[in-house]
Every structure is written in structure tokens, then in C-alpha cells.
């Protein structure tokens, strides 16, 4: 009884947080789903807390399964793989993929950009002291760190939409 209770509580909390974490910060999910900016910012600001609670809940599920023989193997192993994907992919993308892009972005002149951007597409433009950058909405709608080593007129700019 105790094993099943620990297993189910751990499973529900870890999968629930994992799905929300993946939905709001995982790049793949945002190609399909619209993510509310407030949710994305909440997960960015509280990522370590979310991961701590989610991984503790996973440990609770593991404890219930292995120590108290709760749950079933046909549910435990697929859920464990799912949790690895939800937490692992998202963490890797946010901490390795996005951080890498932050320093390697390429910026083009207006004439070069005209050839690459749809004339009817909308852009988000950032301007600081006469230096401007434009980013297509289609790229900024996804979590995005935009910058290069020089920053924007000497200052680092991190953007999310």
C-alpha cells in the first residue's frame, strides 16, 4: 500500500512538472504549441526549484517501486524514459543549445537581410544609441537568446518574446 502511494504521488508530480517544463522551455514543443510568455518566464526564473521538486518526486517514485515494490514494471520503465526525455532534453537545450547561440549569432546588413526575410513578415527591432537589430517574429516566438560577443552597442541583450 505504501509503495503504491509513493509510486503514484511521485509519478504524478514528476510527470506533471516534466510536461510543463518541456512545454514551456523545450524548443520542439514550441513549434507546435503556443507558450504563454508568463509561463516561460516563470520556468526560467524558477528552473532550479522546478528541477529539484521534479527530481525529488522521481526519487519518490523510484523508492516506491524498488524499496516498497509499488507500481508495475509496464508503467515504471516507460515513465522513467519519458522523464529522462522531458527533463534531460529540455535542460540540455536551455543550458547548452541556447547558451551556445548567444555568442555565435550572425547579423546581416539591411540589404543582405532583405534577401532573407519575407517582405510581408513582421520583425521585432531593438535599438540602443542608434545601433539596431531586427529579429523575425517566427524566430523570437521560441525561447531565444540573441546576441554575439560584442552585444548591442557594447551591452549584452537577452531577448524572449
Protein backbone atom coordinates (compact mmCIF):
# COMPACT_ATOMS: atom_id res chain seq x y z
CA UNK A 1 0.00 0.00 0.00
CA UNK A 2 2.75 2.46 0.98
CA UNK A 3 4.76 1.50 -2.11
CA UNK A 4 1.83 2.19 -4.44
CA UNK A 5 1.10 5.51 -2.72
CA UNK A 6 4.73 6.69 -3.03
CA UNK A 7 4.88 5.45 -6.61
CA UNK A 8 1.68 7.22 -7.72
CA UNK A 9 2.42 10.51 -5.92
CA UNK A 10 5.97 10.58 -7.31
CA UNK A 11 4.77 9.67 -10.79
CA UNK A 12 2.04 12.33 -10.92
CA UNK A 13 4.23 15.15 -9.62
CA UNK A 14 7.31 14.29 -11.70
CA UNK A 15 5.37 13.78 -14.94
CA UNK A 16 3.21 16.88 -14.38
CA UNK A 17 6.21 19.14 -13.76
CA UNK A 18 8.19 17.46 -16.54
CA UNK A 19 5.44 18.08 -19.09
CA UNK A 20 5.10 21.73 -18.03
CA UNK A 21 8.91 22.22 -18.08
CA UNK A 22 9.14 20.67 -21.56
CA UNK A 23 6.14 22.62 -22.86
CA UNK A 24 7.38 26.00 -21.65
CA UNK A 25 11.12 25.72 -22.29
CA UNK A 26 11.63 22.86 -24.77
CA UNK A 27 12.16 24.17 -28.28
CA UNK A 28 10.48 21.21 -30.01
CA UNK A 29 7.20 21.70 -28.15
CA UNK A 30 7.04 25.36 -29.12
CA UNK A 31 6.96 24.51 -32.80
CA UNK A 32 3.52 23.03 -32.15
CA UNK A 33 2.20 24.79 -29.04
CA UNK A 34 1.80 28.44 -28.20
CA UNK A 35 3.53 29.10 -24.90
CA UNK A 36 2.42 31.95 -22.68
CA UNK A 37 5.27 34.36 -22.04
CA UNK A 38 4.45 34.42 -18.32
CA UNK A 39 4.80 30.65 -18.08
CA UNK A 40 8.13 30.72 -19.88
CA UNK A 41 9.48 33.45 -17.61
CA UNK A 42 8.23 31.63 -14.51
CA UNK A 43 10.13 28.49 -15.54
CA UNK A 44 13.27 30.45 -16.43
CA UNK A 45 13.25 32.21 -13.04
CA UNK A 46 12.37 29.08 -11.02
CA UNK A 47 14.10 26.39 -13.04
CA UNK A 48 16.25 25.07 -10.21
CA UNK A 49 13.23 24.77 -7.90
CA UNK A 50 11.17 23.00 -10.55
CA UNK A 51 14.00 20.59 -11.29
CA UNK A 52 14.57 19.92 -7.58
CA UNK A 53 10.91 19.14 -6.93
CA UNK A 54 10.59 17.10 -10.14
CA UNK A 55 13.69 15.04 -9.43
CA UNK A 56 12.71 14.51 -5.78
CA UNK A 57 9.31 13.29 -7.00
CA UNK A 58 11.11 10.96 -9.41
CA UNK A 59 13.19 9.67 -6.47
CA UNK A 60 9.95 9.12 -4.54
CA UNK A 61 8.61 7.08 -7.44
CA UNK A 62 11.87 5.08 -7.55
CA UNK A 63 11.67 4.49 -3.80
CA UNK A 64 8.09 3.29 -4.06
CA UNK A 65 8.96 0.95 -6.93
CA UNK A 66 12.24 -0.55 -5.73
CA UNK A 67 12.09 -0.38 -1.91
CA UNK A 68 8.37 -1.00 -1.37
CA UNK A 69 7.50 -2.91 -4.56
CA UNK A 70 4.84 -0.40 -5.57
CA UNK A 71 3.69 0.26 -9.11
CA UNK A 72 4.17 -2.01 -12.09
CA UNK A 73 7.09 -2.50 -14.47
CA UNK A 74 4.98 -1.82 -17.59
CA UNK A 75 4.28 1.68 -16.22
CA UNK A 76 7.54 2.37 -14.37
CA UNK A 77 10.06 1.87 -17.18
CA UNK A 78 8.24 3.86 -19.92
CA UNK A 79 7.59 6.69 -17.44
CA UNK A 80 11.27 6.70 -16.43
CA UNK A 81 12.28 7.02 -20.10
CA UNK A 82 9.67 9.76 -20.61
CA UNK A 83 11.01 11.69 -17.60
CA UNK A 84 14.55 11.39 -18.97
CA UNK A 85 13.37 12.96 -22.22
CA UNK A 86 11.22 15.68 -20.61
CA UNK A 87 13.85 16.83 -18.13
CA UNK A 88 17.04 15.84 -19.97
CA UNK A 89 16.26 17.26 -23.40
CA UNK A 90 14.87 20.49 -22.01
CA UNK A 91 17.80 21.05 -19.65
CA UNK A 92 20.30 20.29 -22.42
CA UNK A 93 18.55 22.63 -24.86
CA UNK A 94 18.29 25.52 -22.39
CA UNK A 95 21.80 25.23 -20.95
CA UNK A 96 23.83 24.02 -23.91
CA UNK A 97 21.88 24.86 -27.08
CA UNK A 98 20.60 28.33 -26.23
CA UNK A 99 23.76 29.46 -24.45
CA UNK A 100 25.80 28.43 -27.47
CA UNK A 101 23.60 30.53 -29.78
CA UNK A 102 24.01 33.55 -27.56
CA UNK A 103 27.62 34.06 -28.68
CA UNK A 104 27.50 32.80 -32.25
CA UNK A 105 24.65 34.78 -33.79
CA UNK A 106 25.33 36.36 -37.16
CA UNK A 107 23.94 39.76 -38.05
CA UNK A 108 23.44 40.97 -41.60
CA UNK A 109 23.19 44.39 -43.19
CA UNK A 110 19.75 45.62 -44.19
CA UNK A 111 20.50 44.91 -47.85
CA UNK A 112 21.54 41.31 -47.08
CA UNK A 113 18.57 40.79 -44.78
CA UNK A 114 16.10 41.93 -47.45
CA UNK A 115 17.02 38.83 -49.43
CA UNK A 116 16.39 36.52 -46.47
CA UNK A 117 13.26 37.92 -44.84
CA UNK A 118 9.79 37.82 -46.31
CA UNK A 119 8.80 41.43 -47.18
CA UNK A 120 5.37 40.95 -45.59
CA UNK A 121 6.80 39.30 -42.44
CA UNK A 122 6.94 41.19 -39.18
CA UNK A 123 10.11 41.88 -37.23
CA UNK A 124 10.99 42.87 -33.71
CA UNK A 125 13.57 45.66 -33.70
CA UNK A 126 15.79 46.58 -30.77
CA UNK A 127 17.62 49.89 -30.88
CA UNK A 128 20.21 51.26 -28.46
CA UNK A 129 22.03 54.51 -29.05
CA UNK A 130 21.49 54.33 -32.81
CA UNK A 131 22.53 50.68 -33.17
CA UNK A 132 19.62 48.44 -34.17
CA UNK A 133 18.91 44.76 -34.64
CA UNK A 134 15.85 43.14 -36.16
CA UNK A 135 14.64 39.61 -35.50
CA UNK A 136 11.80 37.86 -37.36
CA UNK A 137 8.79 37.04 -35.17
CA UNK A 138 8.98 33.42 -36.27
CA UNK A 139 12.34 33.07 -34.53
CA UNK A 140 11.68 35.19 -31.47
CA UNK A 141 8.40 33.43 -30.63
CA UNK A 142 10.52 30.48 -29.50
CA UNK A 143 12.81 30.85 -26.45
CA UNK A 144 15.73 32.72 -27.84
CA UNK A 145 18.96 34.28 -26.65
CA UNK A 146 20.05 36.71 -29.31
CA UNK A 147 23.47 38.23 -29.23
CA UNK A 148 27.12 37.97 -30.06
CA UNK A 149 30.36 38.76 -28.27
CA UNK A 150 30.06 42.49 -28.92
CA UNK A 151 26.50 42.72 -27.59
CA UNK A 152 24.28 45.55 -28.75
CA UNK A 153 26.41 48.67 -28.79
CA UNK A 154 28.62 47.22 -26.08
CA UNK A 155 25.87 45.75 -23.87
CA UNK A 156 24.62 42.19 -23.72
CA UNK A 157 20.99 41.71 -24.72
CA UNK A 158 18.96 38.64 -23.91
CA UNK A 159 15.53 38.54 -25.50
CA UNK A 160 12.46 36.46 -25.19
CA UNK A 161 9.05 37.20 -26.60
